[in-house]
Amino acid sequence: MKPYYQDDLVTLFHGDCLEVTDWLEADVLVTDPPYGISYQSGGMSNATVPQKDTINNDDTADVRDRVVELWGDKPALVFGSWRIERPKNVRHRLIWYKEKALPGMRATPWYNADEEIYVLGSGFVGKPEQNVLTTKTRQDGAAGLVARTGHPTPKPVYLIERLISKCPEGLIADPFAGSGSTLIAARNLNRRAIGIELEEKYCEGIALALSQQAFDFGGLE
């Protein structure tokens, strides 16, 4: 299949990652798959327009689990939710703490301000640090990352850069490219990366960001 976008470091394909399997030749998996929680955003994409985005294949964790199975025992960092059983063979769990998370539309005593990141395989490098990774970038609201990227569940690029900085050498794979954070972070670190994205509208956004040399989603706060 011809790439949707390609430069010296990044290759992006538009398609289903279970059918377009070039990513399986990579060395490290860094991805944000459907969690299996039937996600529906309830925030605001801008000051006036309500946003009700959903995630494809998010009714169950079957697609995530199939990707992890195909990947085997190679090193992987996989985002996920405590609401669903974790993937098999998780060696460690990281916590992404979103310091500026908003409570959303529902009035409850508590609201979520974190997500899990599962560590699979081995070979990760770098000095030891705590497993809680904090970001201050606002996800929601008119100036938030959702509105800026056009994706309902974007990840700050500098968060992904922190993760990739501890990955072993080699080609980075993201079979659920989404807003493109993994591909941009890999490029920022001069790492080769390959991504697959099912929805063409997100492929367009990734290609635009890469072609315009957009170096960050979220800032370095």
N, C-alpha and C. Protein backbone atom coordinates (compact mmCIF):
# COMPACT_ATOMS: atom_id res chain seq x y z
N MET A 1 0.84 -1.19 0.00
CA MET A 1 0.00 0.00 0.00
C MET A 1 0.88 1.25 0.00
N LYS A 2 0.47 2.23 -0.77
CA LYS A 2 1.20 3.50 -0.82
C LYS A 2 0.96 4.28 0.47
N PRO A 3 2.00 4.84 1.09
CA PRO A 3 1.81 5.62 2.31
C PRO A 3 0.93 6.85 2.07
N TYR A 4 0.16 7.20 3.10
CA TYR A 4 -0.63 8.43 3.05
C TYR A 4 0.29 9.63 3.17
N TYR A 5 1.34 9.47 3.97
CA TYR A 5 2.35 10.51 4.16
C TYR A 5 3.68 9.83 4.43
N GLN A 6 4.76 10.47 3.93
CA GLN A 6 6.09 9.91 4.20
C GLN A 6 7.14 11.01 4.11
N ASP A 7 8.07 11.00 5.07
CA ASP A 7 9.24 11.86 4.98
C ASP A 7 10.45 11.04 5.41
N ASP A 8 11.55 11.68 5.74
CA ASP A 8 12.78 10.95 6.05
C ASP A 8 12.65 10.09 7.30
N LEU A 9 11.76 10.47 8.22
CA LEU A 9 11.66 9.74 9.48
C LEU A 9 10.32 9.04 9.70
N VAL A 10 9.25 9.61 9.14
CA VAL A 10 7.90 9.13 9.46
C VAL A 10 7.19 8.59 8.23
N THR A 11 6.53 7.45 8.42
CA THR A 11 5.65 6.88 7.39
C THR A 11 4.28 6.67 8.01
N LEU A 12 3.24 7.15 7.35
CA LEU A 12 1.87 7.02 7.82
C LEU A 12 1.02 6.33 6.76
N PHE A 13 0.27 5.30 7.19
CA PHE A 13 -0.67 4.62 6.32
C PHE A 13 -2.09 4.88 6.79
N HIS A 14 -3.02 5.02 5.82
CA HIS A 14 -4.44 5.11 6.12
C HIS A 14 -5.04 3.73 5.95
N GLY A 15 -5.55 3.17 7.04
CA GLY A 15 -6.15 1.85 6.95
C GLY A 15 -6.33 1.21 8.31
N ASP A 16 -6.74 -0.05 8.30
CA ASP A 16 -6.95 -0.84 9.50
C ASP A 16 -5.65 -1.53 9.86
N CYS A 17 -5.19 -1.36 11.10
CA CYS A 17 -3.89 -1.91 11.49
C CYS A 17 -3.88 -3.43 11.52
N LEU A 18 -5.05 -4.06 11.51
CA LEU A 18 -5.09 -5.52 11.42
C LEU A 18 -4.99 -6.00 9.98
N GLU A 19 -5.08 -5.05 9.04
CA GLU A 19 -4.94 -5.39 7.62
C GLU A 19 -3.65 -4.81 7.04
N VAL A 20 -3.30 -3.59 7.45
CA VAL A 20 -2.03 -2.97 7.04
C VAL A 20 -1.03 -3.25 8.16
N THR A 21 -0.21 -4.27 7.97
CA THR A 21 0.59 -4.79 9.08
C THR A 21 2.08 -4.43 8.99
N ASP A 22 2.42 -3.42 8.23
CA ASP A 22 3.82 -3.00 8.14
C ASP A 22 4.40 -2.63 9.50
N TRP A 23 3.57 -2.16 10.40
CA TRP A 23 4.02 -1.75 11.74
C TRP A 23 4.62 -2.89 12.54
N LEU A 24 4.27 -4.12 12.19
CA LEU A 24 4.79 -5.26 12.94
C LEU A 24 6.29 -5.47 12.74
N GLU A 25 6.88 -4.80 11.73
CA GLU A 25 8.32 -4.91 11.51
C GLU A 25 9.10 -3.93 12.38
N ALA A 26 8.40 -3.11 13.15
CA ALA A 26 9.07 -2.12 14.00
C ALA A 26 9.68 -2.79 15.23
N ASP A 27 10.38 -1.99 16.03
CA ASP A 27 11.11 -2.50 17.19
C ASP A 27 10.45 -2.16 18.52
N VAL A 28 9.71 -1.05 18.57
CA VAL A 28 9.09 -0.59 19.81
C VAL A 28 7.68 -0.11 19.49
N LEU A 29 6.72 -0.49 20.34
CA LEU A 29 5.33 -0.07 20.17
C LEU A 29 5.01 1.02 21.19
N VAL A 30 4.54 2.16 20.71
CA VAL A 30 4.08 3.24 21.58
C VAL A 30 2.73 3.68 21.03
N THR A 31 1.65 3.32 21.71
CA THR A 31 0.34 3.50 21.08
C THR A 31 -0.76 3.76 22.09
N ASP A 32 -1.82 4.39 21.60
CA ASP A 32 -3.00 4.75 22.38
C ASP A 32 -4.21 4.09 21.71
N PRO A 33 -4.46 2.81 22.01
CA PRO A 33 -5.52 2.08 21.31
C PRO A 33 -6.91 2.39 21.86
N PRO A 34 -7.97 1.91 21.21
CA PRO A 34 -9.29 1.99 21.83
C PRO A 34 -9.25 1.25 23.17
N TYR A 35 -9.78 1.88 24.21
CA TYR A 35 -9.69 1.30 25.56
C TYR A 35 -10.71 0.21 25.82
N GLY A 36 -11.81 0.22 25.04
CA GLY A 36 -12.88 -0.74 25.30
C GLY A 36 -13.90 -0.22 26.30
N ILE A 37 -14.04 1.11 26.41
CA ILE A 37 -14.94 1.70 27.40
C ILE A 37 -16.11 2.44 26.76
N SER A 38 -16.28 2.26 25.43
CA SER A 38 -17.36 2.95 24.70
C SER A 38 -17.32 4.45 24.97
N TYR A 39 -16.15 5.02 24.76
CA TYR A 39 -15.92 6.44 25.06
C TYR A 39 -16.80 7.35 24.22
N GLN A 40 -17.37 8.36 24.86
CA GLN A 40 -18.05 9.44 24.15
C GLN A 40 -17.72 10.74 24.86
N SER A 41 -17.12 11.65 24.13
CA SER A 41 -16.73 12.91 24.76
C SER A 41 -17.97 13.72 25.10
N GLY A 42 -17.87 14.46 26.18
CA GLY A 42 -18.99 15.30 26.59
C GLY A 42 -18.59 16.73 26.80
N GLY A 43 -17.37 17.05 26.38
CA GLY A 43 -16.87 18.41 26.57
C GLY A 43 -17.28 19.32 25.43
N MET A 44 -16.58 20.44 25.34
CA MET A 44 -16.86 21.42 24.30
C MET A 44 -15.64 21.54 23.41
N SER A 45 -15.86 21.41 22.10
CA SER A 45 -14.75 21.52 21.16
C SER A 45 -14.31 22.97 21.01
N ASN A 46 -15.22 23.92 21.21
CA ASN A 46 -14.87 25.34 21.26
C ASN A 46 -15.91 26.04 22.12
N ALA A 47 -15.96 27.34 22.05
CA ALA A 47 -16.81 28.08 22.98
C ALA A 47 -18.30 27.83 22.78
N THR A 48 -18.73 27.37 21.59
CA THR A 48 -20.16 27.31 21.31
C THR A 48 -20.64 25.94 20.82
N VAL A 49 -19.76 25.09 20.32
CA VAL A 49 -20.21 23.87 19.66
C VAL A 49 -19.96 22.65 20.55
N PRO A 50 -21.02 21.98 21.03
CA PRO A 50 -20.84 20.76 21.81
C PRO A 50 -20.20 19.67 20.95
N GLN A 51 -19.34 18.87 21.55
CA GLN A 51 -18.67 17.80 20.81
C GLN A 51 -19.04 16.46 21.41
N LYS A 52 -19.47 15.52 20.57
CA LYS A 52 -19.85 14.18 21.00
C LYS A 52 -19.11 13.16 20.15
N ASP A 53 -17.80 13.20 20.21
CA ASP A 53 -16.99 12.27 19.45
C ASP A 53 -16.95 10.90 20.11
N THR A 54 -16.79 9.88 19.27
CA THR A 54 -16.61 8.52 19.76
C THR A 54 -15.33 7.97 19.16
N ILE A 55 -14.92 6.79 19.63
CA ILE A 55 -13.72 6.13 19.15
C ILE A 55 -14.11 4.84 18.45
N ASN A 56 -13.61 4.61 17.25
CA ASN A 56 -13.90 3.37 16.53
C ASN A 56 -13.39 2.15 17.30
N ASN A 57 -14.14 1.06 17.25
CA ASN A 57 -13.75 -0.22 17.85
C ASN A 57 -13.56 -0.14 19.36
N ASP A 58 -14.30 0.78 20.01
CA ASP A 58 -14.12 1.00 21.44
C ASP A 58 -15.17 0.30 22.30
N ASP A 59 -16.01 -0.54 21.69
CA ASP A 59 -17.02 -1.26 22.46
C ASP A 59 -16.40 -2.32 23.35
N THR A 60 -15.29 -2.89 22.91
CA THR A 60 -14.55 -3.89 23.68
C THR A 60 -13.06 -3.61 23.51
N ALA A 61 -12.25 -4.35 24.26
CA ALA A 61 -10.79 -4.23 24.14
C ALA A 61 -10.23 -5.26 23.16
N ASP A 62 -11.09 -5.84 22.32
CA ASP A 62 -10.65 -6.91 21.43
C ASP A 62 -9.56 -6.47 20.46
N VAL A 63 -9.71 -5.27 19.88
CA VAL A 63 -8.72 -4.80 18.91
C VAL A 63 -7.38 -4.54 19.61
N ARG A 64 -7.44 -3.89 20.76
CA ARG A 64 -6.22 -3.68 21.54
C ARG A 64 -5.51 -4.99 21.83
N ASP A 65 -6.29 -5.98 22.31
CA ASP A 65 -5.70 -7.25 22.70
C ASP A 65 -5.13 -8.01 21.50
N ARG A 66 -5.77 -7.87 20.36
CA ARG A 66 -5.26 -8.53 19.15
C ARG A 66 -3.94 -7.91 18.73
N VAL A 67 -3.84 -6.58 18.81
CA VAL A 67 -2.60 -5.89 18.46
C VAL A 67 -1.47 -6.31 19.41
N VAL A 68 -1.76 -6.36 20.70
CA VAL A 68 -0.75 -6.78 21.68
C VAL A 68 -0.32 -8.22 21.42
N GLU A 69 -1.26 -9.06 21.07
CA GLU A 69 -0.94 -10.46 20.75
C GLU A 69 -0.03 -10.55 19.53
N LEU A 70 -0.35 -9.81 18.49
CA LEU A 70 0.47 -9.82 17.28
C LEU A 70 1.87 -9.27 17.56
N TRP A 71 1.96 -8.30 18.45
CA TRP A 71 3.23 -7.66 18.76
C TRP A 71 4.18 -8.62 19.47
N GLY A 72 3.65 -9.51 20.25
CA GLY A 72 4.48 -10.49 20.93
C GLY A 72 5.18 -9.91 22.16
N ASP A 73 6.43 -10.34 22.37
CA ASP A 73 7.13 -9.95 23.59
C ASP A 73 8.10 -8.78 23.38
N LYS A 74 7.97 -8.06 22.27
CA LYS A 74 8.82 -6.89 22.05
C LYS A 74 8.37 -5.74 22.96
N PRO A 75 9.26 -4.76 23.20
CA PRO A 75 8.91 -3.67 24.12
C PRO A 75 7.72 -2.86 23.63
N ALA A 76 6.84 -2.51 24.57
CA ALA A 76 5.63 -1.77 24.21
C ALA A 76 5.18 -0.89 25.36
N LEU A 77 4.64 0.28 25.01
CA LEU A 77 3.98 1.19 25.94
C LEU A 77 2.58 1.43 25.40
N VAL A 78 1.56 1.02 26.16
CA VAL A 78 0.18 1.01 25.66
C VAL A 78 -0.72 1.75 26.65
N PHE A 79 -1.36 2.82 26.20
CA PHE A 79 -2.28 3.56 27.06
C PHE A 79 -3.54 2.72 27.30
N GLY A 80 -4.18 2.97 28.46
CA GLY A 80 -5.38 2.21 28.77
C GLY A 80 -6.16 2.79 29.92
N SER A 81 -7.20 2.08 30.34
CA SER A 81 -8.10 2.53 31.39
C SER A 81 -8.25 1.45 32.45
N TRP A 82 -8.36 1.88 33.71
CA TRP A 82 -8.59 0.95 34.83
C TRP A 82 -9.95 0.26 34.72
N ARG A 83 -10.83 0.80 33.90
CA ARG A 83 -12.19 0.24 33.81
C ARG A 83 -12.22 -1.11 33.09
N ILE A 84 -11.18 -1.40 32.33
CA ILE A 84 -11.11 -2.62 31.53
C ILE A 84 -9.91 -3.44 31.99
N GLU A 85 -10.02 -4.75 31.92
CA GLU A 85 -8.91 -5.61 32.29
C GLU A 85 -7.66 -5.25 31.48
N ARG A 86 -6.53 -5.20 32.15
CA ARG A 86 -5.29 -4.83 31.48
C ARG A 86 -4.87 -5.89 30.47
N PRO A 87 -4.01 -5.50 29.51
CA PRO A 87 -3.51 -6.49 28.56
C PRO A 87 -2.71 -7.58 29.29
N LYS A 88 -2.53 -8.69 28.64
CA LYS A 88 -1.73 -9.77 29.22
C LYS A 88 -0.25 -9.37 29.27
N ASN A 89 0.43 -9.93 30.26
CA ASN A 89 1.90 -9.80 30.38
C ASN A 89 2.37 -8.37 30.64
N VAL A 90 1.54 -7.58 31.32
CA VAL A 90 1.98 -6.24 31.72
C VAL A 90 3.06 -6.37 32.80
N ARG A 91 4.19 -5.70 32.57
CA ARG A 91 5.30 -5.76 33.51
C ARG A 91 5.29 -4.61 34.51
N HIS A 92 4.70 -3.50 34.11
CA HIS A 92 4.67 -2.33 34.99
C HIS A 92 3.54 -1.43 34.52
N ARG A 93 3.12 -0.55 35.40
CA ARG A 93 2.04 0.38 35.09
C ARG A 93 2.51 1.79 35.40
N LEU A 94 2.38 2.68 34.41
CA LEU A 94 2.65 4.10 34.61
C LEU A 94 1.32 4.83 34.73
N ILE A 95 1.35 5.98 35.39
CA ILE A 95 0.16 6.81 35.55
C ILE A 95 0.40 8.15 34.88
N TRP A 96 -0.47 8.51 33.95
CA TRP A 96 -0.45 9.84 33.36
C TRP A 96 -1.42 10.70 34.16
N TYR A 97 -0.89 11.66 34.91
CA TYR A 97 -1.70 12.55 35.73
C TYR A 97 -1.89 13.88 35.01
N LYS A 98 -3.14 14.21 34.72
CA LYS A 98 -3.48 15.44 34.00
C LYS A 98 -3.85 16.52 35.03
N GLU A 99 -2.85 17.32 35.38
CA GLU A 99 -3.00 18.26 36.49
C GLU A 99 -4.12 19.26 36.27
N LYS A 100 -4.34 19.66 35.01
CA LYS A 100 -5.36 20.67 34.72
C LYS A 100 -6.66 20.09 34.17
N ALA A 101 -6.91 18.82 34.47
CA ALA A 101 -8.15 18.20 34.01
C ALA A 101 -9.36 18.90 34.61
N LEU A 102 -10.40 19.02 33.80
CA LEU A 102 -11.65 19.66 34.22
C LEU A 102 -12.68 18.60 34.62
N PRO A 103 -13.67 18.95 35.45
CA PRO A 103 -14.65 17.95 35.92
C PRO A 103 -15.65 17.51 34.87
N GLY A 104 -15.77 18.23 33.76
CA GLY A 104 -16.73 17.83 32.74
C GLY A 104 -18.14 18.31 33.07
N MET A 105 -19.12 17.68 32.41
CA MET A 105 -20.50 18.17 32.50
C MET A 105 -21.25 17.57 33.69
N ARG A 106 -20.78 16.45 34.24
CA ARG A 106 -21.50 15.79 35.32
C ARG A 106 -20.99 16.25 36.68
N ALA A 107 -21.92 16.49 37.60
CA ALA A 107 -21.55 16.90 38.95
C ALA A 107 -21.40 15.65 39.81
N THR A 108 -20.15 15.26 40.10
CA THR A 108 -19.87 14.09 40.92
C THR A 108 -18.83 14.47 41.97
N PRO A 109 -18.77 13.71 43.08
CA PRO A 109 -17.78 14.03 44.11
C PRO A 109 -16.34 13.93 43.63
N TRP A 110 -16.08 13.05 42.63
CA TRP A 110 -14.74 12.88 42.08
C TRP A 110 -14.82 12.77 40.56
N TYR A 111 -13.75 13.14 39.91
CA TYR A 111 -13.68 12.95 38.46
C TYR A 111 -12.27 12.49 38.09
N ASN A 112 -12.18 11.81 36.96
CA ASN A 112 -10.91 11.23 36.55
C ASN A 112 -9.92 12.30 36.09
N ALA A 113 -8.69 12.19 36.55
CA ALA A 113 -7.63 13.09 36.11
C ALA A 113 -6.37 12.29 35.77
N ASP A 114 -6.57 11.01 35.46
CA ASP A 114 -5.41 10.18 35.14
C ASP A 114 -5.78 9.07 34.16
N GLU A 115 -4.77 8.55 33.52
CA GLU A 115 -4.90 7.36 32.67
C GLU A 115 -3.71 6.45 32.93
N GLU A 116 -3.86 5.18 32.59
CA GLU A 116 -2.79 4.22 32.79
C GLU A 116 -1.99 4.04 31.51
N ILE A 117 -0.73 3.69 31.67
CA ILE A 117 0.14 3.34 30.55
C ILE A 117 0.80 2.01 30.91
N TYR A 118 0.60 1.00 30.10
CA TYR A 118 1.10 -0.33 30.42
C TYR A 118 2.45 -0.57 29.76
N VAL A 119 3.37 -1.10 30.53
CA VAL A 119 4.71 -1.42 30.05
C VAL A 119 4.77 -2.93 29.79
N LEU A 120 5.07 -3.29 28.56
CA LEU A 120 5.19 -4.69 28.18
C LEU A 120 6.57 -4.92 27.56
N GLY A 121 7.05 -6.14 27.62
CA GLY A 121 8.36 -6.44 27.07
C GLY A 121 9.47 -5.85 27.93
N SER A 122 10.67 -5.80 27.38
CA SER A 122 11.83 -5.34 28.13
C SER A 122 12.75 -4.53 27.23
N GLY A 123 13.84 -4.03 27.82
CA GLY A 123 14.82 -3.28 27.04
C GLY A 123 14.75 -1.78 27.23
N PHE A 124 13.86 -1.30 28.10
CA PHE A 124 13.74 0.14 28.33
C PHE A 124 14.98 0.66 29.05
N VAL A 125 15.29 1.93 28.82
CA VAL A 125 16.56 2.48 29.27
C VAL A 125 16.34 3.77 30.06
N GLY A 126 17.42 4.30 30.64
CA GLY A 126 17.36 5.59 31.32
C GLY A 126 17.38 5.47 32.83
N LYS A 127 17.60 6.61 33.48
CA LYS A 127 17.64 6.64 34.93
C LYS A 127 16.26 6.37 35.52
N PRO A 128 16.20 5.71 36.67
CA PRO A 128 14.90 5.45 37.32
C PRO A 128 14.19 6.74 37.68
N GLU A 129 12.88 6.75 37.50
CA GLU A 129 12.06 7.87 37.94
C GLU A 129 10.71 7.34 38.37
N GLN A 130 9.95 8.16 39.07
CA GLN A 130 8.64 7.73 39.53
C GLN A 130 7.74 7.37 38.36
N ASN A 131 6.77 6.51 38.64
CA ASN A 131 5.90 6.03 37.57
C ASN A 131 4.72 6.97 37.30
N VAL A 132 4.65 8.10 37.97
CA VAL A 132 3.60 9.09 37.73
C VAL A 132 4.16 10.21 36.85
N LEU A 133 3.58 10.35 35.67
CA LEU A 133 4.02 11.36 34.71
C LEU A 133 2.96 12.47 34.66
N THR A 134 3.36 13.66 35.06
CA THR A 134 2.41 14.77 35.17
C THR A 134 2.51 15.70 33.98
N THR A 135 1.35 16.09 33.45
CA THR A 135 1.31 17.14 32.42
C THR A 135 0.34 18.23 32.88
N LYS A 136 0.61 19.46 32.43
CA LYS A 136 -0.22 20.59 32.80
C LYS A 136 -1.04 21.12 31.64
N THR A 137 -0.93 20.49 30.50
CA THR A 137 -1.69 20.91 29.33
C THR A 137 -3.17 20.63 29.54
N ARG A 138 -4.00 21.61 29.26
CA ARG A 138 -5.45 21.43 29.38
C ARG A 138 -5.97 20.67 28.16
N GLN A 139 -6.71 19.61 28.41
CA GLN A 139 -7.27 18.80 27.32
C GLN A 139 -8.53 19.44 26.74
N ASP A 140 -9.43 19.89 27.62
CA ASP A 140 -10.73 20.38 27.19
C ASP A 140 -10.78 21.90 27.15
N GLY A 141 -11.91 22.41 26.73
CA GLY A 141 -12.09 23.85 26.66
C GLY A 141 -11.72 24.40 25.29
N ALA A 142 -12.04 25.67 25.10
CA ALA A 142 -11.85 26.29 23.79
C ALA A 142 -10.40 26.30 23.34
N ALA A 143 -9.46 26.39 24.28
CA ALA A 143 -8.04 26.43 23.93
C ALA A 143 -7.34 25.11 24.26
N GLY A 144 -8.12 24.08 24.59
CA GLY A 144 -7.55 22.81 24.99
C GLY A 144 -7.03 21.99 23.82
N LEU A 145 -6.38 20.89 24.16
CA LEU A 145 -5.73 20.06 23.15
C LEU A 145 -6.74 19.39 22.22
N VAL A 146 -7.92 19.06 22.74
CA VAL A 146 -8.96 18.46 21.89
C VAL A 146 -9.35 19.42 20.77
N ALA A 147 -9.60 20.66 21.11
CA ALA A 147 -9.99 21.67 20.12
C ALA A 147 -8.85 21.95 19.14
N ARG A 148 -7.62 21.95 19.64
CA ARG A 148 -6.46 22.29 18.80
C ARG A 148 -6.10 21.18 17.82
N THR A 149 -6.34 19.93 18.20
CA THR A 149 -5.97 18.82 17.33
C THR A 149 -7.14 18.26 16.53
N GLY A 150 -8.37 18.50 16.99
CA GLY A 150 -9.52 17.93 16.32
C GLY A 150 -9.74 16.47 16.64
N HIS A 151 -9.06 15.95 17.65
CA HIS A 151 -9.18 14.54 18.05
C HIS A 151 -9.73 14.49 19.47
N PRO A 152 -10.64 13.55 19.79
CA PRO A 152 -11.27 13.54 21.12
C PRO A 152 -10.36 13.11 22.26
N THR A 153 -9.30 12.36 21.96
CA THR A 153 -8.43 11.87 23.04
C THR A 153 -6.95 12.05 22.70
N PRO A 154 -6.49 13.27 22.42
CA PRO A 154 -5.09 13.47 22.05
C PRO A 154 -4.18 13.35 23.27
N LYS A 155 -2.93 13.03 23.01
CA LYS A 155 -1.91 12.97 24.06
C LYS A 155 -0.90 14.08 23.81
N PRO A 156 -0.47 14.80 24.86
CA PRO A 156 0.55 15.83 24.66
C PRO A 156 1.82 15.24 24.07
N VAL A 157 2.38 15.88 23.09
CA VAL A 157 3.58 15.36 22.44
C VAL A 157 4.73 15.23 23.43
N TYR A 158 4.86 16.20 24.33
CA TYR A 158 6.00 16.13 25.26
C TYR A 158 5.85 14.97 26.23
N LEU A 159 4.62 14.50 26.50
CA LEU A 159 4.43 13.29 27.30
C LEU A 159 4.97 12.08 26.55
N ILE A 160 4.64 11.99 25.26
CA ILE A 160 5.11 10.86 24.45
C ILE A 160 6.63 10.92 24.29
N GLU A 161 7.19 12.12 24.20
CA GLU A 161 8.64 12.24 24.11
C GLU A 161 9.30 11.67 25.36
N ARG A 162 8.71 11.91 26.52
CA ARG A 162 9.26 11.35 27.76
C ARG A 162 9.23 9.83 27.72
N LEU A 163 8.17 9.28 27.17
CA LEU A 163 8.07 7.82 27.07
C LEU A 163 9.09 7.26 26.08
N ILE A 164 9.17 7.88 24.90
CA ILE A 164 10.07 7.38 23.87
C ILE A 164 11.52 7.51 24.32
N SER A 165 11.82 8.50 25.14
CA SER A 165 13.20 8.69 25.59
C SER A 165 13.71 7.50 26.40
N LYS A 166 12.80 6.68 26.92
CA LYS A 166 13.20 5.49 27.67
C LYS A 166 13.05 4.21 26.85
N CYS A 167 12.72 4.34 25.58
CA CYS A 167 12.57 3.17 24.72
C CYS A 167 13.91 2.76 24.12
N PRO A 168 14.10 1.46 23.88
CA PRO A 168 15.31 1.02 23.20
C PRO A 168 15.36 1.54 21.77
N GLU A 169 16.51 1.44 21.16
CA GLU A 169 16.69 1.94 19.80
C GLU A 169 15.83 1.17 18.81
N GLY A 170 15.61 1.80 17.66
CA GLY A 170 14.88 1.13 16.59
C GLY A 170 13.65 1.90 16.16
N LEU A 171 12.92 1.31 15.23
CA LEU A 171 11.72 1.90 14.64
C LEU A 171 10.56 1.88 15.62
N ILE A 172 9.90 3.03 15.77
CA ILE A 172 8.73 3.17 16.64
C ILE A 172 7.48 2.88 15.83
N ALA A 173 6.56 2.10 16.41
CA ALA A 173 5.29 1.79 15.74
C ALA A 173 4.12 2.35 16.53
N ASP A 174 3.14 2.91 15.81
CA ASP A 174 1.87 3.31 16.42
C ASP A 174 0.74 2.91 15.48
N PRO A 175 0.11 1.75 15.72
CA PRO A 175 -0.97 1.29 14.84
C PRO A 175 -2.29 2.00 15.06
N PHE A 176 -2.37 2.90 16.04
CA PHE A 176 -3.56 3.73 16.28
C PHE A 176 -3.09 5.18 16.36
N ALA A 177 -2.72 5.74 15.23
CA ALA A 177 -1.98 7.01 15.21
C ALA A 177 -2.79 8.19 15.74
N GLY A 178 -4.11 8.20 15.58
CA GLY A 178 -4.94 9.23 16.19
C GLY A 178 -4.56 10.64 15.80
N SER A 179 -4.22 11.46 16.79
CA SER A 179 -3.84 12.85 16.52
C SER A 179 -2.41 12.97 16.01
N GLY A 180 -1.65 11.89 16.07
CA GLY A 180 -0.28 11.90 15.55
C GLY A 180 0.79 12.18 16.57
N SER A 181 0.45 12.20 17.85
CA SER A 181 1.42 12.57 18.88
C SER A 181 2.65 11.68 18.89
N THR A 182 2.46 10.37 18.74
CA THR A 182 3.60 9.46 18.75
C THR A 182 4.52 9.72 17.57
N LEU A 183 3.95 9.93 16.39
CA LEU A 183 4.76 10.17 15.20
C LEU A 183 5.52 11.49 15.30
N ILE A 184 4.87 12.52 15.81
CA ILE A 184 5.53 13.81 15.96
C ILE A 184 6.62 13.74 17.03
N ALA A 185 6.32 13.07 18.14
CA ALA A 185 7.30 12.94 19.21
C ALA A 185 8.53 12.17 18.72
N ALA A 186 8.31 11.11 17.98
CA ALA A 186 9.43 10.32 17.46
C ALA A 186 10.28 11.18 16.53
N ARG A 187 9.64 11.93 15.66
CA ARG A 187 10.38 12.80 14.75
C ARG A 187 11.17 13.86 15.52
N ASN A 188 10.55 14.42 16.56
CA ASN A 188 11.24 15.43 17.36
C ASN A 188 12.52 14.88 17.98
N LEU A 189 12.51 13.59 18.28
CA LEU A 189 13.67 12.93 18.90
C LEU A 189 14.57 12.27 17.86
N ASN A 190 14.31 12.58 16.60
CA ASN A 190 15.10 12.02 15.49
C ASN A 190 15.01 10.50 15.43
N ARG A 191 13.82 10.00 15.75
CA ARG A 191 13.56 8.57 15.69
C ARG A 191 12.67 8.26 14.50
N ARG A 192 12.91 7.16 13.81
CA ARG A 192 12.05 6.72 12.73
C ARG A 192 10.77 6.13 13.32
N ALA A 193 9.65 6.36 12.64
CA ALA A 193 8.36 5.89 13.15
C ALA A 193 7.44 5.52 12.00
N ILE A 194 6.54 4.57 12.30
CA ILE A 194 5.52 4.17 11.34
C ILE A 194 4.17 4.17 12.04
N GLY A 195 3.16 4.75 11.40
CA GLY A 195 1.84 4.82 12.00
C GLY A 195 0.77 4.33 11.04
N ILE A 196 -0.31 3.81 11.64
CA ILE A 196 -1.50 3.41 10.89
C ILE A 196 -2.68 4.13 11.52
N GLU A 197 -3.56 4.70 10.70
CA GLU A 197 -4.74 5.38 11.23
C GLU A 197 -5.96 5.02 10.39
N LEU A 198 -7.03 4.60 11.06
CA LEU A 198 -8.22 4.13 10.38
C LEU A 198 -9.03 5.26 9.76
N GLU A 199 -9.10 6.40 10.43
CA GLU A 199 -9.95 7.50 9.96
C GLU A 199 -9.14 8.51 9.15
N GLU A 200 -9.60 8.77 7.94
CA GLU A 200 -8.84 9.64 7.05
C GLU A 200 -8.76 11.08 7.57
N LYS A 201 -9.78 11.53 8.28
CA LYS A 201 -9.72 12.92 8.77
C LYS A 201 -8.56 13.11 9.74
N TYR A 202 -8.23 12.07 10.48
CA TYR A 202 -7.08 12.17 11.38
C TYR A 202 -5.77 12.03 10.62
N CYS A 203 -5.76 11.22 9.57
CA CYS A 203 -4.58 11.15 8.69
C CYS A 203 -4.28 12.52 8.11
N GLU A 204 -5.32 13.23 7.70
CA GLU A 204 -5.13 14.57 7.15
C GLU A 204 -4.47 15.49 8.17
N GLY A 205 -4.95 15.44 9.41
CA GLY A 205 -4.38 16.28 10.45
C GLY A 205 -2.93 15.95 10.75
N ILE A 206 -2.62 14.64 10.78
CA ILE A 206 -1.24 14.22 11.02
C ILE A 206 -0.33 14.68 9.90
N ALA A 207 -0.76 14.45 8.67
CA ALA A 207 0.06 14.84 7.52
C ALA A 207 0.30 16.34 7.50
N LEU A 208 -0.74 17.11 7.84
CA LEU A 208 -0.60 18.57 7.87
C LEU A 208 0.41 18.98 8.94
N ALA A 209 0.29 18.40 10.13
CA ALA A 209 1.20 18.76 11.22
C ALA A 209 2.64 18.41 10.87
N LEU A 210 2.84 17.23 10.29
CA LEU A 210 4.19 16.80 9.93
C LEU A 210 4.76 17.64 8.80
N SER A 211 3.94 17.94 7.80
CA SER A 211 4.43 18.71 6.66
C SER A 211 4.73 20.16 7.03
N GLN A 212 4.02 20.68 8.05
CA GLN A 212 4.26 22.04 8.51
C GLN A 212 5.30 22.10 9.61
N GLN A 213 5.92 20.93 9.89
CA GLN A 213 6.96 20.86 10.92
C GLN A 213 6.44 21.31 12.28
N ALA A 214 5.21 20.87 12.62
CA ALA A 214 4.66 21.15 13.95
C ALA A 214 5.41 20.26 14.94
N PHE A 215 6.06 20.87 15.90
CA PHE A 215 6.93 20.12 16.79
C PHE A 215 6.28 19.73 18.11
N ASP A 216 5.12 20.29 18.43
CA ASP A 216 4.55 19.95 19.73
C ASP A 216 3.06 20.16 19.75
N PHE A 217 2.36 19.27 20.50
CA PHE A 217 0.97 19.49 20.89
C PHE A 217 1.01 19.60 22.40
N GLY A 218 0.83 20.77 22.93
CA GLY A 218 0.71 20.87 24.35
C GLY A 218 1.68 21.78 25.04
N GLY A 219 2.77 22.12 24.42
CA GLY A 219 3.73 23.01 25.05
C GLY A 219 4.59 22.29 26.07
N LEU A 220 5.55 22.99 26.61
CA LEU A 220 6.50 22.41 27.54
C LEU A 220 6.27 22.92 28.95
N GLU A 221 5.01 22.95 29.38
CA GLU A 221 4.67 23.46 30.71
C GLU A 221 5.09 22.47 31.78
